[in-house]
Amino acid sequence: MKGILPGLAFLGLAASSSVTFAATQGVIFNGTVASVCVLTVGSNGTMTVSPNLQSLSSHNSGGTAGTANLATTGGVTVSVDSAVTGVTTPAADSGTIAWTPTYAVSGAHNFPEGGASHALTGPGTSVVTVNLAGAKTGSDTFVAGNYQATVTVRCEP
């Protein structure tokens, strides 16, 4: 019994004095965000003809502007191309159309309607409101039928 008691006492001591080794380390995360701009079309626009049939515009009564949603980190420039693309006209309209796209920006960035490019220095979300006007001159007028044109909105570093 005398030999068992010291052995049991040693086991009890070993069980009650558990030694733990804990270690901690911080894991560092790095990231780089470049100047980014994302554009998504909110809605397409509608052009209507003026009473004298020489203007086809989203500004005319019943017309609506198109919109694009813009999200940026800043450090970018927003603009619209001065030349429209994808122009379709009725076959009976053989005259020249002078197209003029304009845009305004509202939200985190605010710029009045015009055609010039604008620097967006800070981050945020905004709405780009796009208008398009087509004009005829002299005795030339718009004829009955479907017209379509595309305005390209750009947001670039």
Protein backbone atom coordinates (compact mmCIF):
# COMPACT_ATOMS: atom_id res chain seq x y z
CA MET A 1 0.00 0.00 0.00
CA LYS A 2 2.89 2.30 0.78
CA GLY A 3 4.15 1.94 -2.79
CA ILE A 4 0.76 2.61 -4.31
CA LEU A 5 0.03 5.82 -2.38
CA PRO A 6 3.03 7.79 -3.64
CA GLY A 7 2.22 6.66 -7.21
CA LEU A 8 -1.42 7.75 -6.87
CA ALA A 9 -0.31 11.04 -5.34
CA PHE A 10 1.99 11.65 -8.29
CA LEU A 11 -0.84 10.92 -10.78
CA GLY A 12 -3.14 13.29 -8.90
CA LEU A 13 -0.50 16.02 -9.02
CA ALA A 14 0.13 15.48 -12.72
CA ALA A 15 -3.60 15.60 -13.50
CA SER A 16 -4.20 18.78 -11.50
CA SER A 17 -1.28 20.76 -12.90
CA SER A 18 -1.94 20.68 -16.63
CA VAL A 19 0.52 22.69 -18.64
CA THR A 20 -0.86 24.46 -21.72
CA PHE A 21 1.06 26.21 -24.41
CA ALA A 22 -1.00 28.87 -26.18
CA ALA A 23 0.18 30.97 -29.07
CA THR A 24 -1.41 33.75 -31.06
CA GLN A 25 -0.47 35.41 -34.34
CA GLY A 26 -2.08 38.20 -36.30
CA VAL A 27 -2.78 37.54 -39.96
CA ILE A 28 -2.44 40.69 -42.05
CA PHE A 29 -4.71 41.32 -45.00
CA ASN A 30 -3.77 43.82 -47.70
CA GLY A 31 -5.89 45.08 -50.54
CA THR A 32 -5.64 47.64 -53.28
CA VAL A 33 -8.65 49.30 -54.86
CA ALA A 34 -8.01 50.91 -58.22
CA SER A 35 -10.07 53.76 -59.59
CA VAL A 36 -13.22 51.96 -60.68
CA CYS A 37 -16.50 53.03 -62.19
CA VAL A 38 -19.53 50.84 -62.81
CA LEU A 39 -22.41 51.94 -65.05
CA THR A 40 -25.73 50.14 -65.33
CA VAL A 41 -28.65 51.29 -67.45
CA GLY A 42 -31.58 52.36 -65.32
CA SER A 43 -33.99 53.17 -68.15
CA ASN A 44 -33.95 53.96 -71.85
CA GLY A 45 -35.16 57.34 -73.07
CA THR A 46 -38.01 58.35 -75.36
CA MET A 47 -37.88 61.08 -77.99
CA THR A 48 -40.97 62.90 -79.22
CA VAL A 49 -41.37 65.26 -82.15
CA SER A 50 -41.90 69.00 -81.83
CA PRO A 51 -45.00 70.74 -83.28
CA ASN A 52 -42.95 72.06 -86.25
CA LEU A 53 -41.57 68.52 -86.93
CA GLN A 54 -37.95 69.74 -86.88
CA SER A 55 -36.95 68.47 -83.44
CA LEU A 56 -37.05 64.90 -82.17
CA SER A 57 -35.98 65.09 -78.53
CA SER A 58 -36.31 63.63 -75.06
CA HIS A 59 -36.81 67.26 -73.95
CA ASN A 60 -39.96 67.70 -76.05
CA SER A 61 -43.36 67.31 -74.42
CA GLY A 62 -43.95 63.62 -73.70
CA GLY A 63 -40.27 62.72 -74.06
CA THR A 64 -38.26 61.14 -71.28
CA ALA A 65 -34.58 61.07 -70.47
CA GLY A 66 -32.68 57.82 -70.16
CA THR A 67 -30.77 57.04 -66.97
CA ALA A 68 -27.66 55.16 -65.96
CA ASN A 69 -26.65 54.33 -62.40
CA LEU A 70 -23.03 55.11 -61.62
CA ALA A 71 -20.91 53.79 -58.74
CA THR A 72 -17.29 54.83 -58.40
CA THR A 73 -14.31 54.82 -56.09
CA GLY A 74 -13.41 58.25 -57.47
CA GLY A 75 -10.52 59.33 -59.65
CA VAL A 76 -12.55 58.88 -62.85
CA THR A 77 -14.08 61.04 -65.57
CA VAL A 78 -17.68 60.78 -66.78
CA SER A 79 -18.77 61.85 -70.26
CA VAL A 80 -21.03 61.05 -73.20
CA ASP A 81 -19.78 60.49 -76.73
CA SER A 82 -20.70 63.41 -78.97
CA ALA A 83 -21.47 61.03 -81.85
CA VAL A 84 -24.49 58.75 -81.46
CA THR A 85 -24.42 55.18 -82.75
CA GLY A 86 -26.97 52.63 -83.92
CA VAL A 87 -29.06 55.25 -85.70
CA THR A 88 -32.10 53.92 -87.50
CA THR A 89 -34.62 56.06 -89.35
CA PRO A 90 -37.65 55.39 -91.52
CA ALA A 91 -36.81 54.76 -95.18
CA ALA A 92 -38.79 57.87 -96.17
CA ASP A 93 -36.49 60.11 -94.09
CA SER A 94 -33.52 60.81 -96.34
CA GLY A 95 -32.56 64.13 -94.74
CA THR A 96 -29.74 64.94 -92.38
CA ILE A 97 -30.26 64.78 -88.63
CA ALA A 98 -27.94 66.69 -86.29
CA TRP A 99 -27.85 64.67 -83.06
CA THR A 100 -26.92 66.34 -79.75
CA PRO A 101 -26.55 64.19 -76.62
CA THR A 102 -26.42 65.86 -73.20
CA TYR A 103 -26.30 64.58 -69.64
CA ALA A 104 -26.51 65.63 -66.00
CA VAL A 105 -25.23 63.91 -62.86
CA SER A 106 -26.98 63.88 -59.47
CA GLY A 107 -26.34 62.09 -56.19
CA ALA A 108 -22.88 61.87 -54.65
CA HIS A 109 -21.70 63.94 -57.63
CA ASN A 110 -23.69 66.83 -59.08
CA PHE A 111 -23.22 68.46 -62.47
CA PRO A 112 -25.77 70.42 -64.51
CA GLU A 113 -26.87 69.26 -67.94
CA GLY A 114 -24.34 69.72 -70.71
CA GLY A 115 -21.99 67.83 -72.97
CA ALA A 116 -18.59 68.38 -71.32
CA SER A 117 -16.76 65.68 -69.38
CA HIS A 118 -16.52 65.93 -65.59
CA ALA A 119 -13.96 64.59 -63.13
CA LEU A 120 -15.41 62.58 -60.25
CA THR A 121 -12.74 62.89 -57.58
CA GLY A 122 -14.55 61.22 -54.69
CA PRO A 123 -16.36 57.92 -54.22
CA GLY A 124 -20.11 57.45 -54.30
CA THR A 125 -23.18 56.56 -56.30
CA SER A 126 -24.97 58.90 -58.69
CA VAL A 127 -27.58 58.88 -61.42
CA VAL A 128 -26.57 60.00 -64.91
CA THR A 129 -29.60 61.49 -66.70
CA VAL A 130 -29.11 61.35 -70.48
CA ASN A 131 -31.03 63.35 -73.09
CA LEU A 132 -30.86 63.23 -76.87
CA ALA A 133 -32.07 65.75 -79.42
CA GLY A 134 -32.18 65.36 -83.18
CA ALA A 135 -32.64 68.46 -85.32
CA LYS A 136 -33.61 69.14 -88.94
CA THR A 137 -32.98 72.43 -90.71
CA GLY A 138 -34.59 74.44 -93.52
CA SER A 139 -37.68 72.78 -94.94
CA ASP A 140 -36.54 69.28 -93.86
CA THR A 141 -38.80 67.64 -91.24
CA PHE A 142 -39.10 64.34 -89.42
CA VAL A 143 -41.43 61.86 -91.12
CA ALA A 144 -43.73 59.21 -89.66
CA GLY A 145 -41.93 56.08 -88.47
CA ASN A 146 -39.54 54.75 -85.87
CA TYR A 147 -36.28 56.49 -85.01
CA GLN A 148 -33.61 55.09 -82.73
CA ALA A 149 -30.13 56.16 -81.65
CA THR A 150 -27.74 55.13 -78.90
CA VAL A 151 -25.83 57.53 -76.65
CA THR A 152 -22.66 56.04 -75.15
CA VAL A 153 -22.00 57.06 -71.54
CA ARG A 154 -18.39 56.70 -70.41
CA CYS A 155 -16.85 56.55 -66.96
CA GLU A 156 -13.11 56.05 -67.19
CA PRO A 157 -10.02 56.36 -64.96
